[in-house]
Amino acid sequence: MHHSRLCSLQIDCNVDDIDAAARFWAAALGCPVDMAHPGSRDRYRQLATPPDQPMVQLQRVDHESRVHLDIETDDIEAEVARLEELGATIFKRLDRWVVMQAPTGQRFCVVRVQRPGFAENANRWD
């Protein structure tokens, strides 16, 4: 048995200035940039979202700009296996997360638990 839920929306930005991109998305979504958040580091900027909503993080990337989602779980390997059974494939394994591709072509990440309230709000998979 393991648990998982939608964690965050990742806005991948192929830009030189991640701060300018963060200012745009902060204004567009009405969520200020949270530079004190541990997610705001190096090429990442975290927006301050309400606790009952997914996190929104921007990251400066070398590939084309796009949006992807992260699924958080208390057992990455079990969640990857569950998603593979549904038709997803592993695109790339990294140290702390797995990039997967849906049968419909979108890429997404399976990550460790990131947000509070996980135990109360996650899906249970037996």
N, C-alpha and C. Protein backbone atom coordinates (compact mmCIF):
# COMPACT_ATOMS: atom_id res chain seq x y z
N MET A 1 0.84 -1.18 0.00
CA MET A 1 0.00 0.00 0.00
C MET A 1 0.89 1.25 0.00
N HIS A 2 0.47 2.24 -0.80
CA HIS A 2 1.15 3.53 -0.77
C HIS A 2 0.12 4.61 -1.06
N HIS A 3 0.55 5.87 -0.99
CA HIS A 3 -0.33 7.02 -1.19
C HIS A 3 0.29 7.97 -2.20
N SER A 4 -0.58 8.73 -2.89
CA SER A 4 -0.08 9.77 -3.79
C SER A 4 -1.17 10.81 -4.01
N ARG A 5 -0.74 11.98 -4.50
CA ARG A 5 -1.69 13.04 -4.85
C ARG A 5 -0.97 14.05 -5.74
N LEU A 6 -1.75 14.90 -6.39
CA LEU A 6 -1.19 16.00 -7.16
C LEU A 6 -0.42 16.90 -6.21
N CYS A 7 0.80 17.22 -6.56
CA CYS A 7 1.65 18.03 -5.69
C CYS A 7 1.76 19.47 -6.21
N SER A 8 2.19 19.59 -7.48
CA SER A 8 2.51 20.94 -7.95
C SER A 8 2.41 21.03 -9.46
N LEU A 9 2.31 22.27 -9.90
CA LEU A 9 2.46 22.60 -11.31
C LEU A 9 3.83 23.22 -11.47
N GLN A 10 4.59 22.72 -12.40
CA GLN A 10 5.93 23.22 -12.67
C GLN A 10 5.88 23.99 -13.99
N ILE A 11 6.25 25.26 -13.94
CA ILE A 11 6.28 26.08 -15.14
C ILE A 11 7.74 26.12 -15.61
N ASP A 12 8.02 25.36 -16.67
CA ASP A 12 9.37 25.28 -17.23
C ASP A 12 9.57 26.47 -18.14
N CYS A 13 10.59 27.28 -17.84
CA CYS A 13 10.82 28.53 -18.57
C CYS A 13 12.19 28.51 -19.24
N ASN A 14 12.20 28.56 -20.55
CA ASN A 14 13.44 28.66 -21.30
C ASN A 14 13.75 30.15 -21.46
N VAL A 15 14.30 30.72 -20.39
CA VAL A 15 14.59 32.15 -20.32
C VAL A 15 15.93 32.36 -19.64
N ASP A 16 16.49 33.55 -19.83
CA ASP A 16 17.72 33.90 -19.12
C ASP A 16 17.43 34.42 -17.72
N ASP A 17 16.27 35.07 -17.53
CA ASP A 17 15.96 35.74 -16.27
C ASP A 17 14.76 35.06 -15.60
N ILE A 18 15.03 34.13 -14.70
CA ILE A 18 13.95 33.42 -14.02
C ILE A 18 13.17 34.35 -13.10
N ASP A 19 13.81 35.41 -12.60
CA ASP A 19 13.10 36.35 -11.73
C ASP A 19 12.03 37.12 -12.50
N ALA A 20 12.34 37.53 -13.73
CA ALA A 20 11.34 38.22 -14.56
C ALA A 20 10.18 37.27 -14.87
N ALA A 21 10.49 36.01 -15.17
CA ALA A 21 9.44 35.04 -15.42
C ALA A 21 8.58 34.84 -14.17
N ALA A 22 9.22 34.76 -13.01
CA ALA A 22 8.49 34.58 -11.75
C ALA A 22 7.59 35.79 -11.48
N ARG A 23 8.07 36.98 -11.75
CA ARG A 23 7.24 38.18 -11.54
C ARG A 23 6.00 38.14 -12.43
N PHE A 24 6.17 37.72 -13.69
CA PHE A 24 5.02 37.62 -14.58
C PHE A 24 3.99 36.63 -14.03
N TRP A 25 4.42 35.40 -13.72
CA TRP A 25 3.49 34.38 -13.27
C TRP A 25 2.89 34.72 -11.91
N ALA A 26 3.65 35.37 -11.05
CA ALA A 26 3.11 35.80 -9.76
C ALA A 26 1.95 36.78 -9.98
N ALA A 27 2.15 37.73 -10.86
CA ALA A 27 1.10 38.71 -11.15
C ALA A 27 -0.08 38.04 -11.87
N ALA A 28 0.21 37.15 -12.80
CA ALA A 28 -0.85 36.50 -13.57
C ALA A 28 -1.73 35.61 -12.69
N LEU A 29 -1.11 34.92 -11.73
CA LEU A 29 -1.85 33.98 -10.88
C LEU A 29 -2.27 34.57 -9.54
N GLY A 30 -1.82 35.79 -9.23
CA GLY A 30 -2.16 36.40 -7.95
C GLY A 30 -1.50 35.70 -6.78
N CYS A 31 -0.33 35.13 -7.00
CA CYS A 31 0.43 34.41 -5.96
C CYS A 31 1.84 34.99 -5.92
N PRO A 32 2.22 35.69 -4.88
CA PRO A 32 3.54 36.33 -4.85
C PRO A 32 4.68 35.31 -4.86
N VAL A 33 5.82 35.76 -5.35
CA VAL A 33 7.03 34.94 -5.31
C VAL A 33 7.46 34.82 -3.85
N ASP A 34 7.77 33.61 -3.42
CA ASP A 34 8.18 33.35 -2.04
C ASP A 34 9.66 33.00 -2.03
N MET A 35 10.50 34.00 -1.93
CA MET A 35 11.95 33.78 -1.95
C MET A 35 12.45 33.10 -0.68
N ALA A 36 11.66 33.12 0.40
CA ALA A 36 12.06 32.45 1.64
C ALA A 36 11.78 30.95 1.61
N HIS A 37 10.99 30.50 0.66
CA HIS A 37 10.66 29.08 0.55
C HIS A 37 11.89 28.30 0.08
N PRO A 38 12.13 27.11 0.63
CA PRO A 38 13.28 26.31 0.20
C PRO A 38 13.25 25.97 -1.30
N GLY A 39 12.06 26.04 -1.91
CA GLY A 39 11.95 25.79 -3.35
C GLY A 39 12.49 26.91 -4.21
N SER A 40 12.73 28.09 -3.62
CA SER A 40 13.31 29.22 -4.35
C SER A 40 14.82 29.19 -4.16
N ARG A 41 15.49 28.61 -5.14
CA ARG A 41 16.95 28.48 -5.08
C ARG A 41 17.47 28.35 -6.50
N ASP A 42 18.68 28.76 -6.71
CA ASP A 42 19.34 28.60 -8.01
C ASP A 42 18.41 28.96 -9.16
N ARG A 43 18.01 27.98 -9.93
CA ARG A 43 17.19 28.22 -11.13
C ARG A 43 15.70 28.02 -10.88
N TYR A 44 15.29 27.95 -9.61
CA TYR A 44 13.90 27.73 -9.22
C TYR A 44 13.34 28.93 -8.47
N ARG A 45 12.04 29.19 -8.67
CA ARG A 45 11.32 30.19 -7.89
C ARG A 45 9.98 29.59 -7.50
N GLN A 46 9.64 29.73 -6.21
CA GLN A 46 8.40 29.19 -5.67
C GLN A 46 7.38 30.32 -5.53
N LEU A 47 6.14 30.08 -5.94
CA LEU A 47 5.07 31.03 -5.69
C LEU A 47 4.36 30.62 -4.41
N ALA A 48 3.83 31.60 -3.69
CA ALA A 48 3.10 31.34 -2.44
C ALA A 48 1.66 31.01 -2.81
N THR A 49 1.28 29.74 -2.65
CA THR A 49 -0.09 29.30 -2.94
C THR A 49 -0.76 28.90 -1.63
N PRO A 50 -2.07 28.98 -1.56
CA PRO A 50 -2.79 28.55 -0.36
C PRO A 50 -2.52 27.07 -0.08
N PRO A 51 -2.56 26.65 1.19
CA PRO A 51 -2.23 25.28 1.54
C PRO A 51 -3.14 24.22 0.91
N ASP A 52 -4.37 24.61 0.54
CA ASP A 52 -5.29 23.64 -0.05
C ASP A 52 -5.18 23.58 -1.58
N GLN A 53 -4.20 24.28 -2.15
CA GLN A 53 -3.98 24.26 -3.59
C GLN A 53 -2.59 23.69 -3.90
N PRO A 54 -2.42 23.15 -5.11
CA PRO A 54 -1.10 22.66 -5.48
C PRO A 54 -0.07 23.80 -5.45
N MET A 55 1.18 23.42 -5.20
CA MET A 55 2.27 24.39 -5.27
C MET A 55 2.48 24.78 -6.73
N VAL A 56 3.03 25.96 -6.95
CA VAL A 56 3.43 26.40 -8.29
C VAL A 56 4.89 26.81 -8.19
N GLN A 57 5.72 26.16 -9.01
CA GLN A 57 7.14 26.46 -9.01
C GLN A 57 7.58 26.70 -10.45
N LEU A 58 8.42 27.70 -10.62
CA LEU A 58 9.02 27.97 -11.92
C LEU A 58 10.44 27.43 -11.91
N GLN A 59 10.87 26.90 -13.06
CA GLN A 59 12.25 26.47 -13.16
C GLN A 59 12.81 26.88 -14.52
N ARG A 60 14.02 27.38 -14.48
CA ARG A 60 14.72 27.76 -15.71
C ARG A 60 15.26 26.49 -16.34
N VAL A 61 14.93 26.26 -17.62
CA VAL A 61 15.29 25.01 -18.30
C VAL A 61 15.98 25.30 -19.63
N ASP A 62 16.60 24.27 -20.18
CA ASP A 62 17.25 24.38 -21.49
C ASP A 62 16.35 23.88 -22.62
N HIS A 63 15.30 23.11 -22.29
CA HIS A 63 14.37 22.64 -23.32
C HIS A 63 13.29 23.69 -23.53
N GLU A 64 12.34 23.41 -24.43
CA GLU A 64 11.28 24.37 -24.71
C GLU A 64 10.46 24.65 -23.46
N SER A 65 9.88 25.82 -23.41
CA SER A 65 9.01 26.18 -22.28
C SER A 65 7.74 25.34 -22.33
N ARG A 66 7.30 24.88 -21.17
CA ARG A 66 6.08 24.09 -21.06
C ARG A 66 5.66 24.06 -19.60
N VAL A 67 4.54 23.45 -19.33
CA VAL A 67 4.07 23.25 -17.96
C VAL A 67 3.96 21.74 -17.74
N HIS A 68 4.41 21.28 -16.59
CA HIS A 68 4.21 19.87 -16.25
C HIS A 68 3.75 19.79 -14.80
N LEU A 69 3.25 18.64 -14.41
CA LEU A 69 2.81 18.47 -13.03
C LEU A 69 3.69 17.46 -12.32
N ASP A 70 3.70 17.56 -11.01
CA ASP A 70 4.38 16.60 -10.14
C ASP A 70 3.34 15.86 -9.32
N ILE A 71 3.54 14.56 -9.17
CA ILE A 71 2.72 13.74 -8.28
C ILE A 71 3.60 13.38 -7.09
N GLU A 72 3.15 13.71 -5.88
CA GLU A 72 3.93 13.39 -4.69
C GLU A 72 3.45 12.08 -4.10
N THR A 73 4.39 11.32 -3.52
CA THR A 73 4.05 10.00 -3.00
C THR A 73 4.96 9.63 -1.83
N ASP A 74 4.46 8.73 -1.01
CA ASP A 74 5.27 8.21 0.09
C ASP A 74 6.07 6.98 -0.33
N ASP A 75 5.93 6.54 -1.59
CA ASP A 75 6.69 5.41 -2.11
C ASP A 75 6.87 5.59 -3.62
N ILE A 76 7.98 6.20 -4.01
CA ILE A 76 8.20 6.53 -5.42
C ILE A 76 8.16 5.28 -6.30
N GLU A 77 8.82 4.22 -5.90
CA GLU A 77 8.87 3.01 -6.75
C GLU A 77 7.48 2.40 -6.92
N ALA A 78 6.68 2.35 -5.86
CA ALA A 78 5.33 1.80 -5.97
C ALA A 78 4.46 2.68 -6.86
N GLU A 79 4.60 3.98 -6.75
CA GLU A 79 3.80 4.89 -7.59
C GLU A 79 4.22 4.78 -9.05
N VAL A 80 5.52 4.69 -9.31
CA VAL A 80 6.00 4.52 -10.69
C VAL A 80 5.42 3.23 -11.27
N ALA A 81 5.45 2.15 -10.50
CA ALA A 81 4.91 0.87 -10.97
C ALA A 81 3.41 0.98 -11.25
N ARG A 82 2.67 1.67 -10.38
CA ARG A 82 1.23 1.85 -10.58
C ARG A 82 0.96 2.61 -11.87
N LEU A 83 1.74 3.66 -12.10
CA LEU A 83 1.55 4.48 -13.30
C LEU A 83 1.97 3.73 -14.56
N GLU A 84 2.99 2.89 -14.45
CA GLU A 84 3.38 2.06 -15.59
C GLU A 84 2.24 1.10 -15.96
N GLU A 85 1.57 0.55 -14.94
CA GLU A 85 0.43 -0.33 -15.21
C GLU A 85 -0.69 0.40 -15.95
N LEU A 86 -0.78 1.71 -15.72
CA LEU A 86 -1.79 2.53 -16.41
C LEU A 86 -1.36 2.94 -17.81
N GLY A 87 -0.09 2.65 -18.17
CA GLY A 87 0.38 2.96 -19.52
C GLY A 87 1.47 4.00 -19.62
N ALA A 88 1.87 4.59 -18.49
CA ALA A 88 2.96 5.57 -18.52
C ALA A 88 4.29 4.83 -18.67
N THR A 89 5.29 5.54 -19.14
CA THR A 89 6.64 4.98 -19.27
C THR A 89 7.63 5.86 -18.54
N ILE A 90 8.73 5.27 -18.13
CA ILE A 90 9.80 6.04 -17.48
C ILE A 90 10.59 6.75 -18.57
N PHE A 91 10.72 8.05 -18.44
CA PHE A 91 11.54 8.83 -19.36
C PHE A 91 12.97 8.94 -18.83
N LYS A 92 13.08 9.23 -17.52
CA LYS A 92 14.41 9.42 -16.92
C LYS A 92 14.31 9.26 -15.41
N ARG A 93 15.27 8.53 -14.83
CA ARG A 93 15.38 8.43 -13.38
C ARG A 93 16.45 9.41 -12.91
N LEU A 94 16.11 10.19 -11.88
CA LEU A 94 17.06 11.11 -11.28
C LEU A 94 17.25 10.69 -9.82
N ASP A 95 18.14 11.37 -9.13
CA ASP A 95 18.44 10.98 -7.75
C ASP A 95 17.22 10.99 -6.84
N ARG A 96 16.37 12.03 -6.96
CA ARG A 96 15.28 12.18 -6.00
C ARG A 96 13.89 12.10 -6.63
N TRP A 97 13.80 11.90 -7.93
CA TRP A 97 12.49 11.79 -8.58
C TRP A 97 12.62 11.04 -9.89
N VAL A 98 11.46 10.70 -10.46
CA VAL A 98 11.41 9.98 -11.73
C VAL A 98 10.56 10.81 -12.69
N VAL A 99 11.10 11.05 -13.89
CA VAL A 99 10.35 11.72 -14.95
C VAL A 99 9.66 10.63 -15.76
N MET A 100 8.35 10.77 -15.92
CA MET A 100 7.58 9.78 -16.66
C MET A 100 6.88 10.46 -17.83
N GLN A 101 6.40 9.63 -18.74
CA GLN A 101 5.63 10.14 -19.86
C GLN A 101 4.30 9.41 -19.90
N ALA A 102 3.22 10.18 -19.97
CA ALA A 102 1.87 9.62 -20.05
C ALA A 102 1.66 9.00 -21.43
N PRO A 103 0.71 8.09 -21.56
CA PRO A 103 0.42 7.53 -22.88
C PRO A 103 -0.03 8.60 -23.88
N THR A 104 -0.46 9.74 -23.36
CA THR A 104 -0.90 10.84 -24.21
C THR A 104 0.24 11.80 -24.57
N GLY A 105 1.47 11.50 -24.11
CA GLY A 105 2.64 12.26 -24.53
C GLY A 105 3.19 13.26 -23.53
N GLN A 106 2.41 13.66 -22.54
CA GLN A 106 2.88 14.65 -21.57
C GLN A 106 3.87 14.02 -20.60
N ARG A 107 4.88 14.79 -20.24
CA ARG A 107 5.82 14.35 -19.21
C ARG A 107 5.38 14.91 -17.87
N PHE A 108 5.67 14.14 -16.82
CA PHE A 108 5.37 14.56 -15.45
C PHE A 108 6.37 13.88 -14.53
N CYS A 109 6.44 14.35 -13.29
CA CYS A 109 7.42 13.81 -12.35
C CYS A 109 6.73 13.15 -11.16
N VAL A 110 7.35 12.10 -10.67
CA VAL A 110 6.92 11.45 -9.42
C VAL A 110 7.97 11.81 -8.39
N VAL A 111 7.54 12.50 -7.33
CA VAL A 111 8.45 13.06 -6.33
C VAL A 111 8.07 12.59 -4.93
N ARG A 112 8.98 12.77 -3.99
CA ARG A 112 8.68 12.45 -2.60
C ARG A 112 7.70 13.49 -2.05
N VAL A 113 7.11 13.22 -0.91
CA VAL A 113 6.13 14.12 -0.31
C VAL A 113 6.75 15.50 -0.13
N GLN A 114 6.01 16.53 -0.54
CA GLN A 114 6.49 17.91 -0.52
C GLN A 114 5.65 18.83 0.37
N ARG A 115 4.36 18.54 0.49
CA ARG A 115 3.45 19.49 1.15
C ARG A 115 2.87 18.92 2.43
N PRO A 116 2.49 19.80 3.36
CA PRO A 116 1.81 19.33 4.57
C PRO A 116 0.42 18.80 4.24
N GLY A 117 -0.13 18.02 5.14
CA GLY A 117 -1.48 17.50 4.96
C GLY A 117 -1.54 16.29 4.04
N PHE A 118 -0.39 15.73 3.73
CA PHE A 118 -0.35 14.60 2.79
C PHE A 118 -1.18 13.42 3.30
N ALA A 119 -0.97 13.02 4.54
CA ALA A 119 -1.65 11.83 5.08
C ALA A 119 -3.17 11.97 5.04
N GLU A 120 -3.68 13.17 5.25
CA GLU A 120 -5.13 13.38 5.29
C GLU A 120 -5.74 13.48 3.89
N ASN A 121 -4.95 13.87 2.90
CA ASN A 121 -5.54 14.20 1.60
C ASN A 121 -5.07 13.36 0.42
N ALA A 122 -4.18 12.41 0.65
CA ALA A 122 -3.66 11.61 -0.45
C ALA A 122 -4.58 10.44 -0.79
N ASN A 123 -4.47 9.98 -2.01
CA ASN A 123 -5.16 8.76 -2.45
C ASN A 123 -4.42 7.56 -1.88
N ARG A 124 -5.18 6.53 -1.52
CA ARG A 124 -4.57 5.29 -1.01
C ARG A 124 -4.65 4.23 -2.10
N TRP A 125 -3.52 3.61 -2.37
CA TRP A 125 -3.45 2.56 -3.40
C TRP A 125 -3.00 1.26 -2.74
N ASP A 126 -3.83 0.25 -2.85
CA ASP A 126 -3.50 -1.07 -2.26
C ASP A 126 -2.87 -1.96 -3.31
